[in-house]
Amino acid sequence: MAKINLSVILIIISAVNIFALGGKQKSAAAEFQTSQPESQVVAQPTRAERIVKSLVQAYPDRIEKAEFRNNDWAVLLNGKWFYFASGRLLPEDMLEKIDEYRPNQFYQYPAELPPWKELTAEEIERYKSWTANRSQNPPRRSSFFLDELWQAPNRAETEKKLVRITFLGKSTRVHQSIQKKLAEIESIILELGKIDTQVQTWINGIGSMEGYGWRNIAETQSRSYHSYGLAVDLLPRNMGNKQTYWLWTSQYRDDWYNVSYNERYHPPDSVIKIFEARGFVWGGKWPMFDTMHFEYRPEVILLNGLILVTN
């Protein structure tokens, strides 16, 4: 296990915290730009362009380049072009079947957990409709791009890419590509635990860890990041009557969306930031919360302007 100097820990955490200030500076710059004469305004990149370029930046060892071709943005991966296709990331021979798939999720991911607020009647209706539609018409997203990116098109090929790791005393299997990153995260967390009692208490309280599992996302027809070995769930021995996963909560509480942060199980904020700096998003920031869940999405981290530590 690599030894991480305490100063490195503090630099990483501080750098991620700086994002909030950086966002304000960017907003001010954007406001200034829009006030300039029309001839001086630089055209902003489209969402499609920003997403495909974040993919190139996130996976430079896998994706060769992004290019605007055939009236759409695309990325070249292992000699094959994948087109943005309104977020579906389809190979050229599947573009005619675009309507069979929903867009992949390239979502807003905040640097900090937004302040808790009571939902409006309109927001409540939206959540109710969202839940009902999800169970009646399970989302189906294309897996072609991820299958190629991780060389994991089926269960047999996926399991060839798995390695067994021990993370904070718990054993599981993950994709070999994130083994080193999880080792770095573990080292930083352990060092931080020596000076932060909240972190050490959290480490001591971990009851189980789940990595690879061949399955779809619950109530969808879309392959889970767990099925690639690219996600881990960290659960405590004792939940203390806290909620961790919206779907479990919805089994006995219709207003699962009204479960406040105080009622949810949350890892320490410093732990979340350590994961994020290494390319993992935390499910506790999703509207359909999953607070035990971390998955490897460096492109989402980059797309939202957060700091990504690279080696």
Protein backbone atom coordinates (compact mmCIF):
# COMPACT_ATOMS: atom_id res chain seq x y z
CA MET A 1 0.00 0.00 0.00
CA ALA A 2 1.42 3.36 -1.02
CA LYS A 3 2.36 5.80 1.75
CA ILE A 4 0.74 9.19 1.28
CA ASN A 5 2.17 12.25 3.02
CA LEU A 6 -0.36 14.12 5.13
CA SER A 7 0.39 17.36 3.26
CA VAL A 8 -0.69 15.67 0.02
CA ILE A 9 -4.04 14.78 1.62
CA LEU A 10 -4.65 18.35 2.68
CA ILE A 11 -3.65 19.69 -0.75
CA ILE A 12 -6.09 17.35 -2.51
CA ILE A 13 -8.98 18.20 -0.21
CA SER A 14 -8.25 21.93 -0.36
CA ALA A 15 -8.01 21.86 -4.14
CA VAL A 16 -11.42 20.28 -4.45
CA ASN A 17 -12.91 22.79 -2.01
CA ILE A 18 -11.59 25.65 -4.16
CA PHE A 19 -14.13 24.69 -6.84
CA ALA A 20 -16.92 26.64 -5.17
CA LEU A 21 -14.93 29.87 -5.47
CA GLY A 22 -13.83 28.96 -8.97
CA GLY A 23 -17.47 28.53 -10.03
CA LYS A 24 -18.23 32.09 -8.90
CA GLN A 25 -15.27 33.41 -10.85
CA LYS A 26 -16.42 31.60 -13.98
CA SER A 27 -19.93 32.95 -13.60
CA ALA A 28 -18.59 36.51 -13.36
CA ALA A 29 -16.45 35.96 -16.43
CA ALA A 30 -19.41 34.60 -18.38
CA GLU A 31 -21.51 37.63 -17.38
CA PHE A 32 -18.74 39.97 -18.56
CA GLN A 33 -18.44 38.13 -21.86
CA THR A 34 -22.14 38.42 -22.66
CA SER A 35 -21.91 42.18 -22.17
CA GLN A 36 -19.32 42.55 -24.95
CA PRO A 37 -20.20 43.70 -28.47
CA GLU A 38 -21.60 40.93 -30.61
CA SER A 39 -18.50 40.88 -32.80
CA GLN A 40 -16.34 39.99 -29.77
CA VAL A 41 -18.53 37.19 -28.38
CA VAL A 42 -16.96 33.78 -28.89
CA ALA A 43 -19.39 30.96 -29.75
CA GLN A 44 -19.72 28.57 -26.85
CA PRO A 45 -19.29 24.83 -27.49
CA THR A 46 -22.45 22.77 -27.71
CA ARG A 47 -23.35 20.26 -25.03
CA ALA A 48 -22.43 17.44 -27.42
CA GLU A 49 -18.98 18.91 -28.01
CA ARG A 50 -18.33 19.45 -24.30
CA ILE A 51 -19.34 15.88 -23.49
CA VAL A 52 -17.28 14.13 -26.15
CA LYS A 53 -14.23 16.25 -25.29
CA SER A 54 -14.65 15.43 -21.61
CA LEU A 55 -14.61 11.75 -22.60
CA VAL A 56 -11.31 12.21 -24.47
CA GLN A 57 -9.85 14.02 -21.47
CA ALA A 58 -11.14 11.39 -19.02
CA TYR A 59 -9.84 8.38 -20.97
CA PRO A 60 -6.76 9.58 -22.92
CA ASP A 61 -5.26 6.08 -22.95
CA ARG A 62 -8.38 4.65 -24.60
CA ILE A 63 -10.07 7.33 -26.71
CA GLU A 64 -7.96 8.65 -29.57
CA LYS A 65 -9.84 11.84 -30.42
CA ALA A 66 -13.15 13.70 -30.75
CA GLU A 67 -14.27 15.06 -34.10
CA PHE A 68 -17.31 16.67 -35.72
CA ARG A 69 -18.25 14.32 -38.55
CA ASN A 70 -21.42 13.41 -40.43
CA ASN A 71 -23.16 16.38 -38.78
CA ASP A 72 -22.56 15.12 -35.24
CA TRP A 73 -19.80 14.93 -32.66
CA ALA A 74 -18.09 11.57 -32.30
CA VAL A 75 -15.18 9.89 -30.51
CA LEU A 76 -12.73 7.38 -31.98
CA LEU A 77 -12.37 4.37 -29.69
CA ASN A 78 -10.34 1.32 -30.68
CA GLY A 79 -10.66 2.27 -34.36
CA LYS A 80 -14.45 2.63 -34.18
CA TRP A 81 -16.41 5.89 -34.24
CA PHE A 82 -19.10 6.38 -31.61
CA TYR A 83 -21.51 9.23 -32.34
CA PHE A 84 -23.03 11.45 -29.67
CA ALA A 85 -26.49 10.76 -31.11
CA SER A 86 -28.29 13.01 -28.60
CA GLY A 87 -26.43 11.39 -25.73
CA ARG A 88 -26.78 7.77 -26.79
CA LEU A 89 -23.16 7.19 -27.93
CA LEU A 90 -23.94 4.83 -30.77
CA PRO A 91 -21.64 3.20 -33.33
CA GLU A 92 -22.39 4.20 -36.91
CA ASP A 93 -24.16 0.94 -37.75
CA MET A 94 -26.65 1.50 -34.91
CA LEU A 95 -27.61 5.11 -35.64
CA GLU A 96 -30.80 4.09 -37.40
CA LYS A 97 -31.99 2.52 -34.13
CA ILE A 98 -31.53 5.68 -32.07
CA ASP A 99 -35.18 5.72 -30.99
CA GLU A 100 -34.77 2.37 -29.22
CA TYR A 101 -32.54 3.91 -26.55
CA ARG A 102 -32.72 6.68 -24.01
CA PRO A 103 -29.79 9.10 -23.65
CA ASN A 104 -26.94 8.15 -21.34
CA GLN A 105 -26.60 10.26 -18.22
CA PHE A 106 -24.19 13.18 -18.42
CA TYR A 107 -25.69 15.12 -15.57
CA GLN A 108 -25.06 18.15 -13.41
CA TYR A 109 -22.92 17.12 -10.48
CA PRO A 110 -22.40 19.81 -7.82
CA ALA A 111 -19.13 20.36 -5.99
CA GLU A 112 -21.05 20.53 -2.71
CA LEU A 113 -24.28 18.91 -1.60
CA PRO A 114 -26.96 21.57 -2.24
CA PRO A 115 -28.72 22.95 0.85
CA TRP A 116 -31.79 20.93 1.79
CA LYS A 117 -35.10 22.57 0.91
CA GLU A 118 -38.74 21.57 1.06
CA LEU A 119 -40.13 20.45 -2.28
CA THR A 120 -42.84 22.39 -4.05
CA ALA A 121 -46.11 20.74 -5.07
CA GLU A 122 -44.91 20.76 -8.67
CA GLU A 123 -41.64 19.04 -7.74
CA ILE A 124 -43.49 16.40 -5.73
CA GLU A 125 -45.73 15.60 -8.71
CA ARG A 126 -42.65 15.33 -10.90
CA TYR A 127 -41.05 12.80 -8.53
CA LYS A 128 -44.25 10.76 -8.33
CA SER A 129 -44.53 10.68 -12.11
CA TRP A 130 -40.84 9.85 -12.42
CA THR A 131 -41.17 6.86 -10.07
CA ALA A 132 -44.33 5.55 -11.74
CA ASN A 133 -42.95 5.88 -15.27
CA ARG A 134 -39.69 4.20 -14.28
CA SER A 135 -41.41 1.05 -13.03
CA GLN A 136 -43.94 0.90 -15.90
CA ASN A 137 -41.47 1.75 -18.67
CA PRO A 138 -37.97 0.80 -17.47
CA PRO A 139 -35.28 2.95 -19.13
CA ARG A 140 -33.08 1.29 -21.71
CA ARG A 141 -29.75 2.94 -22.48
CA SER A 142 -27.22 1.72 -25.01
CA SER A 143 -24.17 -0.06 -23.62
CA PHE A 144 -22.16 -0.19 -26.87
CA PHE A 145 -19.76 2.56 -25.89
CA LEU A 146 -19.09 1.31 -22.36
CA ASP A 147 -18.78 -2.28 -23.57
CA GLU A 148 -16.03 -1.17 -25.95
CA LEU A 149 -14.40 1.28 -23.54
CA TRP A 150 -13.94 -1.35 -20.85
CA GLN A 151 -13.61 -4.35 -23.21
CA ALA A 152 -16.51 -5.94 -21.37
CA PRO A 153 -19.32 -6.77 -23.85
CA ASN A 154 -20.66 -9.76 -21.93
CA ARG A 155 -20.36 -11.49 -18.58
CA ALA A 156 -17.56 -13.85 -19.59
CA GLU A 157 -15.38 -11.08 -21.04
CA THR A 158 -16.13 -8.78 -18.11
CA GLU A 159 -15.05 -11.35 -15.55
CA LYS A 160 -11.69 -11.74 -17.31
CA LYS A 161 -11.03 -8.07 -16.45
CA LEU A 162 -11.80 -8.39 -12.74
CA VAL A 163 -9.29 -8.41 -9.88
CA ARG A 164 -9.89 -9.06 -6.22
CA ILE A 165 -8.97 -6.23 -3.88
CA THR A 166 -9.09 -5.46 -0.18
CA PHE A 167 -10.35 -1.97 0.59
CA LEU A 168 -10.48 -0.70 4.16
CA GLY A 169 -10.50 -4.28 5.37
CA LYS A 170 -13.25 -5.52 3.03
CA SER A 171 -12.74 -7.76 0.01
CA THR A 172 -14.49 -7.51 -3.35
CA ARG A 173 -13.86 -7.71 -7.10
CA VAL A 174 -13.53 -4.67 -9.38
CA HIS A 175 -12.41 -3.93 -12.93
CA GLN A 176 -8.62 -3.99 -13.14
CA SER A 177 -8.58 -0.43 -14.51
CA ILE A 178 -9.68 1.09 -11.18
CA GLN A 179 -7.57 -1.10 -8.88
CA LYS A 180 -4.78 1.46 -8.59
CA LYS A 181 -7.17 4.37 -8.04
CA LEU A 182 -8.95 2.55 -5.22
CA ALA A 183 -5.58 1.74 -3.63
CA GLU A 184 -4.68 5.44 -3.70
CA ILE A 185 -8.05 6.40 -2.24
CA GLU A 186 -7.64 3.82 0.53
CA SER A 187 -4.17 5.12 1.42
CA ILE A 188 -5.35 8.72 1.62
CA ILE A 189 -8.40 7.81 3.73
CA LEU A 190 -6.29 5.75 6.14
CA GLU A 191 -3.81 8.60 6.58
CA LEU A 192 -6.62 11.07 7.12
CA GLY A 193 -8.17 8.76 9.69
CA LYS A 194 -5.07 9.19 11.86
CA ILE A 195 -5.92 12.85 12.45
CA ASP A 196 -9.69 12.91 11.85
CA THR A 197 -11.80 10.98 14.37
CA GLN A 198 -14.92 11.22 12.18
CA VAL A 199 -13.14 9.49 9.33
CA GLN A 200 -11.65 6.84 11.61
CA THR A 201 -15.05 6.15 13.15
CA TRP A 202 -16.51 5.75 9.66
CA ILE A 203 -13.72 3.32 8.69
CA ASN A 204 -14.28 1.27 11.84
CA GLY A 205 -18.01 1.16 11.18
CA ILE A 206 -17.89 -0.26 7.63
CA GLY A 207 -19.78 -3.54 7.60
CA SER A 208 -19.64 -4.59 3.96
CA MET A 209 -18.38 -3.62 0.53
CA GLU A 210 -19.86 -4.68 -2.79
CA GLY A 211 -18.11 -4.21 -6.10
CA TYR A 212 -18.77 -6.34 -9.17
CA GLY A 213 -22.22 -7.84 -9.67
CA TRP A 214 -23.71 -8.85 -13.02
CA ARG A 215 -27.03 -7.00 -13.17
CA ASN A 216 -29.02 -4.10 -14.55
CA ILE A 217 -29.74 -0.92 -12.63
CA ALA A 218 -32.83 -1.57 -10.50
CA GLU A 219 -36.10 -1.11 -12.41
CA THR A 220 -34.31 -0.44 -15.70
CA GLN A 221 -33.11 -2.29 -18.79
CA SER A 222 -29.74 -0.56 -18.51
CA ARG A 223 -26.53 -2.26 -17.45
CA SER A 224 -25.31 -1.22 -14.00
CA TYR A 225 -21.81 0.15 -13.40
CA HIS A 226 -21.52 -2.68 -10.87
CA SER A 227 -21.78 -5.09 -13.80
CA TYR A 228 -18.56 -3.60 -15.21
CA GLY A 229 -16.82 -3.70 -11.82
CA LEU A 230 -16.68 0.11 -11.88
CA ALA A 231 -18.77 0.85 -8.78
CA VAL A 232 -18.51 0.08 -5.08
CA ASP A 233 -21.09 0.19 -2.31
CA LEU A 234 -19.87 0.82 1.24
CA LEU A 235 -22.40 0.02 3.94
CA PRO A 236 -22.01 0.42 7.72
CA ARG A 237 -22.63 -2.38 10.18
CA ASN A 238 -25.35 -0.31 11.79
CA MET A 239 -27.48 2.09 9.74
CA GLY A 240 -28.81 3.76 12.88
CA ASN A 241 -32.28 4.10 11.29
CA LYS A 242 -30.77 6.12 8.44
CA GLN A 243 -31.78 5.75 4.78
CA THR A 244 -29.23 4.99 2.08
CA TYR A 245 -31.06 4.04 -1.14
CA TRP A 246 -34.21 5.65 -2.56
CA LEU A 247 -35.60 2.36 -3.92
CA TRP A 248 -35.34 0.57 -0.57
CA THR A 249 -36.98 3.52 1.14
CA SER A 250 -39.77 3.68 -1.46
CA GLN A 251 -40.85 0.14 -0.54
CA TYR A 252 -42.42 1.46 2.65
CA ARG A 253 -42.44 5.23 2.26
CA ASP A 254 -44.15 6.81 -0.75
CA ASP A 255 -42.53 10.17 -0.13
CA TRP A 256 -38.97 8.80 -0.33
CA TYR A 257 -37.96 12.06 -2.05
CA ASN A 258 -38.76 13.96 1.16
CA VAL A 259 -36.18 12.06 3.20
CA SER A 260 -33.96 14.88 4.46
CA TYR A 261 -30.18 14.73 4.60
CA ASN A 262 -30.39 14.30 8.37
CA GLU A 263 -32.35 11.09 7.80
CA ARG A 264 -29.83 9.67 5.33
CA TYR A 265 -26.61 7.78 5.90
CA HIS A 266 -23.70 9.88 4.62
CA PRO A 267 -19.97 9.09 4.58
CA PRO A 268 -17.78 11.95 5.86
CA ASP A 269 -17.57 14.83 3.40
CA SER A 270 -13.77 14.53 3.27
CA VAL A 271 -14.10 10.89 2.16
CA ILE A 272 -16.51 11.88 -0.61
CA LYS A 273 -14.07 14.52 -1.85
CA ILE A 274 -11.19 12.04 -1.89
CA PHE A 275 -13.25 9.71 -4.11
CA GLU A 276 -14.31 12.58 -6.38
CA ALA A 277 -10.74 13.80 -6.86
CA ARG A 278 -9.92 10.34 -8.23
CA GLY A 279 -12.83 10.29 -10.68
CA PHE A 280 -15.67 8.73 -8.68
CA VAL A 281 -19.11 10.30 -8.35
CA TRP A 282 -21.11 9.78 -5.15
CA GLY A 283 -24.73 8.65 -5.40
CA GLY A 284 -25.73 10.84 -2.48
CA LYS A 285 -25.77 13.85 -4.82
CA TRP A 286 -28.30 12.24 -7.15
CA PRO A 287 -32.01 13.13 -6.90
CA MET A 288 -32.67 9.37 -6.63
CA PHE A 289 -30.19 9.07 -3.79
CA ASP A 290 -27.82 6.14 -3.26
CA THR A 291 -25.54 7.26 -0.47
CA MET A 292 -23.54 4.04 -0.16
CA HIS A 293 -22.58 4.15 -3.84
CA PHE A 294 -19.44 5.41 -5.63
CA GLU A 295 -18.91 4.83 -9.36
CA TYR A 296 -16.08 5.70 -11.70
CA ARG A 297 -17.22 8.58 -13.94
CA PRO A 298 -14.23 10.91 -14.49
CA GLU A 299 -15.99 12.47 -17.49
CA VAL A 300 -18.81 13.69 -15.20
CA ILE A 301 -16.25 15.14 -12.78
CA LEU A 302 -14.54 16.99 -15.65
CA LEU A 303 -17.77 18.07 -17.34
CA ASN A 304 -18.84 19.84 -14.15
CA GLY A 305 -15.54 21.64 -13.61
CA LEU A 306 -14.38 19.71 -10.55
CA ILE A 307 -10.68 19.03 -10.04
CA LEU A 308 -9.50 15.60 -11.13
CA VAL A 309 -6.18 14.33 -9.78
CA THR A 310 -4.20 12.47 -12.45
CA ASN A 311 -0.91 10.63 -12.17
